[in-house]
Amino acid sequence: MVGGGARTIDAMPKSSVERRLRQVARRLVQLREELGVSAEQLAHLTDAADDARLRALVSETPVSSRDHTDAERHAEAMRRHHADVAEEIARLETEQDELLDRLLAESR
């Protein structure tokens, strides 16, 4: 709904608005569950990267350094995924608000 999303919603019939609201609500449930899972995975991967960093500092070997780099790369990928999911939730919550506003305006 980027770039004039409200106009798109204004042009929708009530049944379409209601159907889209149901779709958005289902997707929000899925994304919130995914956000929780990704938060747990992020915590685990961050801990693993921290442990690998300490091992790399102590052992100072190329293998431990590579392990740290790999672990940090995985943690960063999960950080990006977690942020993307949170961003999508925010976008859908905004869309949901717009759809609810539309239904409220029609009921008056």
N, C-alpha and C. Protein backbone atom coordinates (compact mmCIF):
# COMPACT_ATOMS: atom_id res chain seq x y z
N MET A 1 0.81 -1.17 0.00
CA MET A 1 0.00 0.00 0.00
C MET A 1 0.87 1.25 0.00
N VAL A 2 2.03 1.14 -0.53
CA VAL A 2 2.94 2.27 -0.60
C VAL A 2 2.45 3.22 -1.68
N GLY A 3 2.58 4.52 -1.40
CA GLY A 3 2.25 5.51 -2.41
C GLY A 3 0.78 5.60 -2.71
N GLY A 4 -0.01 6.08 -1.75
CA GLY A 4 -1.43 6.27 -2.00
C GLY A 4 -2.27 5.08 -1.61
N GLY A 5 -1.85 4.35 -0.61
CA GLY A 5 -2.59 3.19 -0.16
C GLY A 5 -3.99 3.51 0.29
N ALA A 6 -4.19 4.68 0.89
CA ALA A 6 -5.51 5.07 1.36
C ALA A 6 -6.48 5.19 0.20
N ARG A 7 -6.03 5.71 -0.94
CA ARG A 7 -6.90 5.82 -2.10
C ARG A 7 -7.32 4.45 -2.59
N THR A 8 -6.42 3.48 -2.53
CA THR A 8 -6.76 2.13 -2.93
C THR A 8 -7.83 1.57 -2.02
N ILE A 9 -7.69 1.80 -0.73
CA ILE A 9 -8.67 1.31 0.24
C ILE A 9 -10.00 2.02 0.03
N ASP A 10 -9.99 3.33 -0.24
CA ASP A 10 -11.23 4.07 -0.46
C ASP A 10 -12.01 3.52 -1.64
N ALA A 11 -11.33 2.99 -2.62
CA ALA A 11 -11.99 2.49 -3.82
C ALA A 11 -12.53 1.07 -3.63
N MET A 12 -12.27 0.45 -2.49
CA MET A 12 -12.68 -0.94 -2.27
C MET A 12 -14.10 -1.02 -1.75
N PRO A 13 -14.90 -1.97 -2.29
CA PRO A 13 -16.23 -2.21 -1.71
C PRO A 13 -16.10 -2.78 -0.30
N LYS A 14 -17.16 -2.66 0.49
CA LYS A 14 -17.14 -3.10 1.88
C LYS A 14 -16.75 -4.57 2.01
N SER A 15 -17.27 -5.43 1.16
CA SER A 15 -16.94 -6.86 1.25
C SER A 15 -15.45 -7.09 0.99
N SER A 16 -14.88 -6.32 0.10
CA SER A 16 -13.44 -6.45 -0.17
C SER A 16 -12.62 -5.96 1.01
N VAL A 17 -13.09 -4.90 1.64
CA VAL A 17 -12.39 -4.38 2.82
C VAL A 17 -12.42 -5.42 3.93
N GLU A 18 -13.59 -6.02 4.14
CA GLU A 18 -13.71 -7.05 5.18
C GLU A 18 -12.83 -8.26 4.88
N ARG A 19 -12.82 -8.68 3.62
CA ARG A 19 -11.98 -9.82 3.22
C ARG A 19 -10.51 -9.49 3.43
N ARG A 20 -10.11 -8.28 3.04
CA ARG A 20 -8.71 -7.88 3.22
C ARG A 20 -8.35 -7.79 4.70
N LEU A 21 -9.28 -7.32 5.52
CA LEU A 21 -9.06 -7.26 6.97
C LEU A 21 -8.79 -8.65 7.54
N ARG A 22 -9.57 -9.62 7.10
CA ARG A 22 -9.35 -11.00 7.56
C ARG A 22 -7.99 -11.51 7.12
N GLN A 23 -7.61 -11.22 5.88
CA GLN A 23 -6.30 -11.65 5.39
C GLN A 23 -5.17 -11.01 6.20
N VAL A 24 -5.30 -9.72 6.44
CA VAL A 24 -4.27 -9.00 7.20
C VAL A 24 -4.18 -9.56 8.61
N ALA A 25 -5.33 -9.81 9.23
CA ALA A 25 -5.33 -10.34 10.61
C ALA A 25 -4.64 -11.70 10.66
N ARG A 26 -4.94 -12.58 9.69
CA ARG A 26 -4.29 -13.90 9.66
C ARG A 26 -2.78 -13.75 9.47
N ARG A 27 -2.39 -12.87 8.57
CA ARG A 27 -0.96 -12.67 8.31
C ARG A 27 -0.25 -12.09 9.53
N LEU A 28 -0.93 -11.19 10.25
CA LEU A 28 -0.33 -10.63 11.47
C LEU A 28 -0.09 -11.71 12.52
N VAL A 29 -1.02 -12.62 12.66
CA VAL A 29 -0.84 -13.73 13.61
C VAL A 29 0.39 -14.54 13.22
N GLN A 30 0.50 -14.88 11.94
CA GLN A 30 1.65 -15.65 11.46
C GLN A 30 2.96 -14.89 11.71
N LEU A 31 2.97 -13.62 11.37
CA LEU A 31 4.20 -12.84 11.50
C LEU A 31 4.59 -12.65 12.96
N ARG A 32 3.62 -12.49 13.84
CA ARG A 32 3.95 -12.33 15.27
C ARG A 32 4.55 -13.62 15.82
N GLU A 33 4.03 -14.76 15.37
CA GLU A 33 4.63 -16.03 15.78
C GLU A 33 6.05 -16.14 15.24
N GLU A 34 6.21 -15.77 13.98
CA GLU A 34 7.54 -15.81 13.35
C GLU A 34 8.51 -14.86 14.06
N LEU A 35 8.01 -13.70 14.49
CA LEU A 35 8.85 -12.75 15.20
C LEU A 35 9.35 -13.35 16.52
N GLY A 36 8.48 -14.05 17.22
CA GLY A 36 8.88 -14.71 18.47
C GLY A 36 9.93 -15.77 18.24
N VAL A 37 9.73 -16.58 17.21
CA VAL A 37 10.71 -17.62 16.88
C VAL A 37 12.03 -16.99 16.48
N SER A 38 11.97 -15.97 15.66
CA SER A 38 13.22 -15.34 15.21
C SER A 38 13.94 -14.65 16.37
N ALA A 39 13.19 -14.14 17.34
CA ALA A 39 13.83 -13.54 18.51
C ALA A 39 14.61 -14.59 19.30
N GLU A 40 14.01 -15.78 19.46
CA GLU A 40 14.71 -16.87 20.15
C GLU A 40 15.95 -17.31 19.37
N GLN A 41 15.79 -17.44 18.06
CA GLN A 41 16.93 -17.84 17.23
C GLN A 41 18.02 -16.78 17.25
N LEU A 42 17.61 -15.52 17.22
CA LEU A 42 18.59 -14.44 17.26
C LEU A 42 19.37 -14.47 18.57
N ALA A 43 18.69 -14.70 19.68
CA ALA A 43 19.39 -14.78 20.97
C ALA A 43 20.40 -15.92 20.96
N HIS A 44 20.00 -17.07 20.42
CA HIS A 44 20.90 -18.22 20.36
C HIS A 44 22.10 -17.92 19.45
N LEU A 45 21.84 -17.38 18.27
CA LEU A 45 22.92 -17.10 17.33
C LEU A 45 23.86 -16.00 17.83
N THR A 46 23.30 -15.03 18.53
CA THR A 46 24.14 -13.98 19.12
C THR A 46 25.05 -14.56 20.20
N ASP A 47 24.49 -15.42 21.03
CA ASP A 47 25.31 -16.10 22.05
C ASP A 47 26.41 -16.94 21.40
N ALA A 48 26.05 -17.66 20.35
CA ALA A 48 27.03 -18.49 19.65
C ALA A 48 28.14 -17.63 19.04
N ALA A 49 27.76 -16.49 18.48
CA ALA A 49 28.76 -15.59 17.90
C ALA A 49 29.68 -15.01 18.98
N ASP A 50 29.09 -14.68 20.14
CA ASP A 50 29.91 -14.18 21.25
C ASP A 50 30.89 -15.25 21.74
N ASP A 51 30.39 -16.48 21.86
CA ASP A 51 31.27 -17.58 22.27
C ASP A 51 32.39 -17.79 21.25
N ALA A 52 32.05 -17.76 19.99
CA ALA A 52 33.05 -17.96 18.94
C ALA A 52 34.07 -16.81 18.95
N ARG A 53 33.61 -15.61 19.25
CA ARG A 53 34.53 -14.47 19.33
C ARG A 53 35.54 -14.68 20.45
N LEU A 54 35.06 -15.12 21.61
CA LEU A 54 35.96 -15.38 22.74
C LEU A 54 36.95 -16.50 22.41
N ARG A 55 36.45 -17.56 21.77
CA ARG A 55 37.35 -18.66 21.39
C ARG A 55 38.40 -18.17 20.40
N ALA A 56 38.00 -17.30 19.48
CA ALA A 56 38.95 -16.77 18.49
C ALA A 56 40.00 -15.89 19.16
N LEU A 57 39.58 -15.12 20.17
CA LEU A 57 40.54 -14.28 20.89
C LEU A 57 41.55 -15.11 21.68
N VAL A 58 41.05 -16.16 22.29
CA VAL A 58 41.91 -16.99 23.13
C VAL A 58 42.85 -17.85 22.29
N SER A 59 42.32 -18.49 21.27
CA SER A 59 43.14 -19.44 20.52
C SER A 59 43.96 -18.78 19.40
N GLU A 60 43.48 -17.69 18.87
CA GLU A 60 44.19 -16.97 17.80
C GLU A 60 44.59 -17.87 16.64
N THR A 61 43.68 -18.76 16.24
CA THR A 61 43.96 -19.62 15.08
C THR A 61 43.05 -19.21 13.92
N PRO A 62 43.47 -19.51 12.70
CA PRO A 62 42.62 -19.18 11.55
C PRO A 62 41.27 -19.89 11.59
N VAL A 63 41.25 -21.10 12.08
CA VAL A 63 39.99 -21.86 12.16
C VAL A 63 39.02 -21.18 13.12
N SER A 64 39.49 -20.80 14.29
CA SER A 64 38.60 -20.15 15.26
C SER A 64 38.16 -18.78 14.76
N SER A 65 39.03 -18.10 14.05
CA SER A 65 38.66 -16.81 13.48
C SER A 65 37.57 -16.99 12.42
N ARG A 66 37.71 -18.01 11.60
CA ARG A 66 36.71 -18.30 10.57
C ARG A 66 35.38 -18.71 11.21
N ASP A 67 35.45 -19.51 12.28
CA ASP A 67 34.24 -19.90 13.00
C ASP A 67 33.52 -18.67 13.54
N HIS A 68 34.28 -17.73 14.08
CA HIS A 68 33.69 -16.50 14.60
C HIS A 68 33.04 -15.71 13.47
N THR A 69 33.72 -15.59 12.36
CA THR A 69 33.17 -14.85 11.21
C THR A 69 31.88 -15.48 10.73
N ASP A 70 31.87 -16.80 10.63
CA ASP A 70 30.66 -17.51 10.20
C ASP A 70 29.52 -17.32 11.20
N ALA A 71 29.82 -17.44 12.47
CA ALA A 71 28.79 -17.28 13.50
C ALA A 71 28.24 -15.86 13.48
N GLU A 72 29.11 -14.89 13.32
CA GLU A 72 28.66 -13.49 13.28
C GLU A 72 27.80 -13.23 12.04
N ARG A 73 28.17 -13.85 10.94
CA ARG A 73 27.39 -13.72 9.70
C ARG A 73 25.99 -14.28 9.87
N HIS A 74 25.88 -15.44 10.53
CA HIS A 74 24.57 -16.04 10.78
C HIS A 74 23.73 -15.15 11.70
N ALA A 75 24.36 -14.63 12.73
CA ALA A 75 23.63 -13.75 13.67
C ALA A 75 23.15 -12.49 12.95
N GLU A 76 23.98 -11.93 12.10
CA GLU A 76 23.59 -10.71 11.37
C GLU A 76 22.44 -10.99 10.40
N ALA A 77 22.48 -12.14 9.76
CA ALA A 77 21.38 -12.51 8.86
C ALA A 77 20.07 -12.62 9.64
N MET A 78 20.14 -13.19 10.85
CA MET A 78 18.93 -13.32 11.66
C MET A 78 18.47 -11.95 12.16
N ARG A 79 19.41 -11.06 12.46
CA ARG A 79 19.03 -9.69 12.85
C ARG A 79 18.25 -9.01 11.73
N ARG A 80 18.74 -9.16 10.51
CA ARG A 80 18.05 -8.56 9.36
C ARG A 80 16.67 -9.17 9.18
N HIS A 81 16.59 -10.49 9.30
CA HIS A 81 15.29 -11.17 9.16
C HIS A 81 14.32 -10.69 10.23
N HIS A 82 14.79 -10.63 11.46
CA HIS A 82 13.95 -10.18 12.58
C HIS A 82 13.45 -8.76 12.32
N ALA A 83 14.33 -7.89 11.86
CA ALA A 83 13.93 -6.51 11.56
C ALA A 83 12.94 -6.46 10.41
N ASP A 84 13.14 -7.29 9.39
CA ASP A 84 12.20 -7.34 8.26
C ASP A 84 10.82 -7.77 8.70
N VAL A 85 10.76 -8.78 9.56
CA VAL A 85 9.47 -9.26 10.06
C VAL A 85 8.79 -8.16 10.88
N ALA A 86 9.54 -7.50 11.74
CA ALA A 86 8.97 -6.41 12.56
C ALA A 86 8.46 -5.28 11.65
N GLU A 87 9.20 -4.99 10.61
CA GLU A 87 8.79 -3.94 9.66
C GLU A 87 7.50 -4.32 8.93
N GLU A 88 7.39 -5.58 8.54
CA GLU A 88 6.19 -6.06 7.86
C GLU A 88 4.99 -6.02 8.82
N ILE A 89 5.21 -6.35 10.07
CA ILE A 89 4.13 -6.26 11.06
C ILE A 89 3.65 -4.82 11.18
N ALA A 90 4.57 -3.89 11.28
CA ALA A 90 4.20 -2.47 11.37
C ALA A 90 3.42 -2.02 10.14
N ARG A 91 3.86 -2.46 8.97
CA ARG A 91 3.17 -2.08 7.73
C ARG A 91 1.74 -2.64 7.71
N LEU A 92 1.60 -3.89 8.11
CA LEU A 92 0.27 -4.51 8.12
C LEU A 92 -0.63 -3.91 9.19
N GLU A 93 -0.06 -3.53 10.32
CA GLU A 93 -0.87 -2.86 11.35
C GLU A 93 -1.39 -1.53 10.84
N THR A 94 -0.58 -0.82 10.09
CA THR A 94 -1.03 0.44 9.49
C THR A 94 -2.14 0.18 8.49
N GLU A 95 -1.95 -0.83 7.66
CA GLU A 95 -3.00 -1.18 6.69
C GLU A 95 -4.28 -1.58 7.40
N GLN A 96 -4.14 -2.35 8.48
CA GLN A 96 -5.31 -2.78 9.25
C GLN A 96 -6.05 -1.56 9.81
N ASP A 97 -5.31 -0.61 10.34
CA ASP A 97 -5.93 0.62 10.87
C ASP A 97 -6.69 1.35 9.77
N GLU A 98 -6.08 1.45 8.59
CA GLU A 98 -6.74 2.13 7.47
C GLU A 98 -8.02 1.41 7.06
N LEU A 99 -7.96 0.09 7.03
CA LEU A 99 -9.14 -0.69 6.68
C LEU A 99 -10.25 -0.53 7.73
N LEU A 100 -9.87 -0.54 8.99
CA LEU A 100 -10.87 -0.34 10.05
C LEU A 100 -11.47 1.05 9.98
N ASP A 101 -10.65 2.05 9.69
CA ASP A 101 -11.17 3.41 9.51
C ASP A 101 -12.18 3.45 8.38
N ARG A 102 -11.88 2.74 7.32
CA ARG A 102 -12.78 2.70 6.17
C ARG A 102 -14.12 2.08 6.57
N LEU A 103 -14.07 0.97 7.29
CA LEU A 103 -15.32 0.32 7.73
C LEU A 103 -16.11 1.23 8.66
N LEU A 104 -15.42 1.90 9.55
CA LEU A 104 -16.09 2.82 10.48
C LEU A 104 -16.74 3.97 9.71
N ALA A 105 -16.05 4.51 8.73
CA ALA A 105 -16.60 5.62 7.95
C ALA A 105 -17.83 5.16 7.17
N GLU A 106 -17.84 3.94 6.68
CA GLU A 106 -18.98 3.43 5.94
C GLU A 106 -20.18 3.16 6.83
N SER A 107 -19.95 2.85 8.10
CA SER A 107 -21.05 2.52 9.00
C SER A 107 -21.76 3.76 9.53
N ARG A 108 -21.21 4.93 9.29
CA ARG A 108 -21.84 6.17 9.77
C ARG A 108 -22.89 6.67 8.86
